C-alpha cells in the first residue's frame, strides 16, 4: 500500500483511533487502581483484593500488547508494507484486514 494514498490515510486514522481508545482504557484502569488504595486497606478480603488486582493487571497488559501491535501496523503503513503477509509476501485478504487491522498474515 502506498503510504501516501487516501487508503493509507484511512487505515492510519482507524489504527490511531483504536490506539487512543486502548490508551484511554489503560488510563481509566490506572485511575481506578489508584483510587482503590493498597490491598486490604479497608480491612476487606485480601484474597479477593489480590485476585481483582491480578485481573486488572492482566487486562492492562493485554491492552499494552494491543497498542504495540497497533504501533507495528502503523509502522507498516508508513513503510508501505501494510496489508502484505509477512510470511508469504502475498496480499492479506481485505476482509481479514477489515476485521483485524493489525493482521500480519492471512492465517
C-alpha atoms as a PDB file:
ATOM      1  CA  UNK A   1       0.000   0.000   0.000  1.00  0.00           C
ATOM      2  CA  UNK A   2       1.300   3.412  -0.939  1.00  0.00           C
ATOM      3  CA  UNK A   3       1.883   5.207   2.391  1.00  0.00           C
ATOM      4  CA  UNK A   4       0.715   8.480   0.827  1.00  0.00           C
ATOM      5  CA  UNK A   5      -2.571   7.140  -0.542  1.00  0.00           C
ATOM      6  CA  UNK A   6      -6.033   8.008   0.764  1.00  0.00           C
ATOM      7  CA  UNK A   7      -6.410   4.316   1.667  1.00  0.00           C
ATOM      8  CA  UNK A   8      -3.296   4.529   3.869  1.00  0.00           C
ATOM      9  CA  UNK A   9      -4.668   7.686   5.490  1.00  0.00           C
ATOM     10  CA  UNK A  10      -7.920   5.858   6.288  1.00  0.00           C
ATOM     11  CA  UNK A  11      -6.058   2.886   7.785  1.00  0.00           C
ATOM     12  CA  UNK A  12      -3.821   5.237   9.760  1.00  0.00           C
ATOM     13  CA  UNK A  13      -6.874   7.067  11.132  1.00  0.00           C
ATOM     14  CA  UNK A  14      -8.599   3.825  12.150  1.00  0.00           C
ATOM     15  CA  UNK A  15      -5.478   2.457  13.840  1.00  0.00           C
ATOM     16  CA  UNK A  16      -4.830   5.752  15.609  1.00  0.00           C
ATOM     17  CA  UNK A  17      -8.412   5.804  16.892  1.00  0.00           C
ATOM     18  CA  UNK A  18      -8.102   2.243  18.180  1.00  0.00           C
ATOM     19  CA  UNK A  19      -4.783   3.113  19.833  1.00  0.00           C
ATOM     20  CA  UNK A  20      -6.331   6.123  21.576  1.00  0.00           C
ATOM     21  CA  UNK A  21      -9.241   4.004  22.818  1.00  0.00           C
ATOM     22  CA  UNK A  22      -6.885   1.474  24.372  1.00  0.00           C
ATOM     23  CA  UNK A  23      -4.704   4.177  25.915  1.00  0.00           C
ATOM     24  CA  UNK A  24      -7.830   5.715  27.457  1.00  0.00           C
ATOM     25  CA  UNK A  25      -8.796   2.337  28.921  1.00  0.00           C
ATOM     26  CA  UNK A  26      -5.329   1.976  30.451  1.00  0.00           C
ATOM     27  CA  UNK A  27      -5.609   5.448  31.972  1.00  0.00           C
ATOM     28  CA  UNK A  28      -9.031   4.572  33.385  1.00  0.00           C
ATOM     29  CA  UNK A  29      -7.719   1.327  34.889  1.00  0.00           C
ATOM     30  CA  UNK A  30      -4.774   3.192  36.398  1.00  0.00           C
ATOM     31  CA  UNK A  31      -7.091   5.831  37.891  1.00  0.00           C
ATOM     32  CA  UNK A  32      -9.409   3.219  39.377  1.00  0.00           C
ATOM     33  CA  UNK A  33      -6.468   1.267  40.784  1.00  0.00           C
ATOM     34  CA  UNK A  34      -5.032   4.411  42.367  1.00  0.00           C
ATOM     35  CA  UNK A  35      -8.404   5.160  43.982  1.00  0.00           C
ATOM     36  CA  UNK A  36      -8.704   1.624  45.365  1.00  0.00           C
ATOM     37  CA  UNK A  37      -5.636   2.069  47.531  1.00  0.00           C
ATOM     38  CA  UNK A  38      -3.408  -0.735  48.784  1.00  0.00           C
ATOM     39  CA  UNK A  39      -4.673  -4.272  49.068  1.00  0.00           C
ATOM     40  CA  UNK A  40      -6.783  -4.784  52.190  1.00  0.00           C
ATOM     41  CA  UNK A  41      -6.595  -1.067  53.030  1.00  0.00           C
ATOM     42  CA  UNK A  42     -10.186  -1.123  54.264  1.00  0.00           C
ATOM     43  CA  UNK A  43      -9.893  -4.372  56.203  1.00  0.00           C
ATOM     44  CA  UNK A  44     -11.670  -6.344  53.498  1.00  0.00           C
ATOM     45  CA  UNK A  45     -10.862  -9.647  51.917  1.00  0.00           C
ATOM     46  CA  UNK A  46      -7.176  -9.540  50.917  1.00  0.00           C
ATOM     47  CA  UNK A  47      -7.596 -12.637  48.728  1.00  0.00           C
ATOM     48  CA  UNK A  48     -10.373 -11.010  46.716  1.00  0.00           C
ATOM     49  CA  UNK A  49      -8.390  -7.777  46.503  1.00  0.00           C
ATOM     50  CA  UNK A  50      -5.362  -9.669  45.196  1.00  0.00           C
ATOM     51  CA  UNK A  51      -7.443 -11.584  42.651  1.00  0.00           C
ATOM     52  CA  UNK A  52      -9.008  -8.351  41.417  1.00  0.00           C
ATOM     53  CA  UNK A  53      -5.636  -6.621  41.177  1.00  0.00           C
ATOM     54  CA  UNK A  54      -4.225  -9.551  39.179  1.00  0.00           C
ATOM     55  CA  UNK A  55      -7.183  -9.462  36.790  1.00  0.00           C
ATOM     56  CA  UNK A  56      -6.793  -5.716  36.253  1.00  0.00           C
ATOM     57  CA  UNK A  57      -3.069  -6.161  35.630  1.00  0.00           C
ATOM     58  CA  UNK A  58      -3.835  -8.868  33.064  1.00  0.00           C
ATOM     59  CA  UNK A  59      -6.285  -6.614  31.228  1.00  0.00           C
ATOM     60  CA  UNK A  60      -3.790  -3.754  31.332  1.00  0.00           C
ATOM     61  CA  UNK A  61      -1.030  -5.953  29.904  1.00  0.00           C
ATOM     62  CA  UNK A  62      -3.354  -7.143  27.109  1.00  0.00           C
ATOM     63  CA  UNK A  63      -4.131  -3.523  26.229  1.00  0.00           C
ATOM     64  CA  UNK A  64      -0.418  -2.680  26.150  1.00  0.00           C
ATOM     65  CA  UNK A  65       0.211  -5.604  23.782  1.00  0.00           C
ATOM     66  CA  UNK A  66      -2.629  -4.414  21.562  1.00  0.00           C
ATOM     67  CA  UNK A  67      -1.100  -0.926  21.453  1.00  0.00           C
ATOM     68  CA  UNK A  68       2.243  -2.458  20.473  1.00  0.00           C
ATOM     69  CA  UNK A  69       0.539  -4.345  17.619  1.00  0.00           C
ATOM     70  CA  UNK A  70      -1.203  -1.152  16.515  1.00  0.00           C
ATOM     71  CA  UNK A  71       2.107   0.722  16.572  1.00  0.00           C
ATOM     72  CA  UNK A  72       3.677  -2.037  14.452  1.00  0.00           C
ATOM     73  CA  UNK A  73       0.781  -1.821  11.975  1.00  0.00           C
ATOM     74  CA  UNK A  74       1.171   1.963  11.793  1.00  0.00           C
ATOM     75  CA  UNK A  75       4.864   1.441  11.037  1.00  0.00           C
ATOM     76  CA  UNK A  76       3.940  -0.984   8.244  1.00  0.00           C
ATOM     77  CA  UNK A  77       1.606   1.653   6.789  1.00  0.00           C
ATOM     78  CA  UNK A  78       4.458   4.178   6.837  1.00  0.00           C
ATOM     79  CA  UNK A  79       6.854   1.614   5.321  1.00  0.00           C
ATOM     80  CA  UNK A  80       4.408   0.701   2.568  1.00  0.00           C
ATOM     81  CA  UNK A  81       4.219  -2.936   3.699  1.00  0.00           C
ATOM     82  CA  UNK A  82       0.800  -2.807   5.385  1.00  0.00           C
ATOM     83  CA  UNK A  83      -1.514  -5.480   4.037  1.00  0.00           C
ATOM     84  CA  UNK A  84       1.311  -7.764   2.906  1.00  0.00           C
ATOM     85  CA  UNK A  85       1.574 -11.193   4.535  1.00  0.00           C
ATOM     86  CA  UNK A  86       4.865 -11.279   6.453  1.00  0.00           C
ATOM     87  CA  UNK A  87       5.323 -14.999   5.758  1.00  0.00           C
ATOM     88  CA  UNK A  88       4.356 -15.329   2.111  1.00  0.00           C
ATOM     89  CA  UNK A  89       4.672 -11.809   0.722  1.00  0.00           C
ATOM     90  CA  UNK A  90       1.146 -12.120  -0.693  1.00  0.00           C
ATOM     91  CA  UNK A  91      -1.573  -9.521  -0.071  1.00  0.00           C
ATOM     92  CA  UNK A  92      -3.646 -10.088   3.059  1.00  0.00           C
ATOM     93  CA  UNK A  93      -7.336 -10.590   2.341  1.00  0.00           C
ATOM     94  CA  UNK A  94      -9.046  -7.172   2.687  1.00  0.00           C
ATOM     95  CA  UNK A  95     -11.852  -8.822   4.706  1.00  0.00           C
ATOM     96  CA  UNK A  96      -9.263 -10.029   7.219  1.00  0.00           C
ATOM     97  CA  UNK A  97      -7.757  -6.552   7.483  1.00  0.00           C
ATOM     98  CA  UNK A  98     -11.224  -5.058   7.945  1.00  0.00           C
ATOM     99  CA  UNK A  99     -11.860  -7.458  10.831  1.00  0.00           C
ATOM    100  CA  UNK A 100      -8.311  -7.365  12.238  1.00  0.00           C
ATOM    101  CA  UNK A 101      -6.466  -4.239  11.082  1.00  0.00           C
ATOM    102  CA  UNK A 102      -3.253  -5.283  12.821  1.00  0.00           C
ATOM    103  CA  UNK A 103      -3.072  -8.641  10.994  1.00  0.00           C
ATOM    104  CA  UNK A 104       0.409  -9.599   9.857  1.00  0.00           C
ATOM    105  CA  UNK A 105      -0.582 -12.734   7.940  1.00  0.00           C
ATOM    106  CA  UNK A 106      -3.509 -14.313   6.135  1.00  0.00           C
ATOM    107  CA  UNK A 107      -3.747 -17.030   8.767  1.00  0.00           C
END
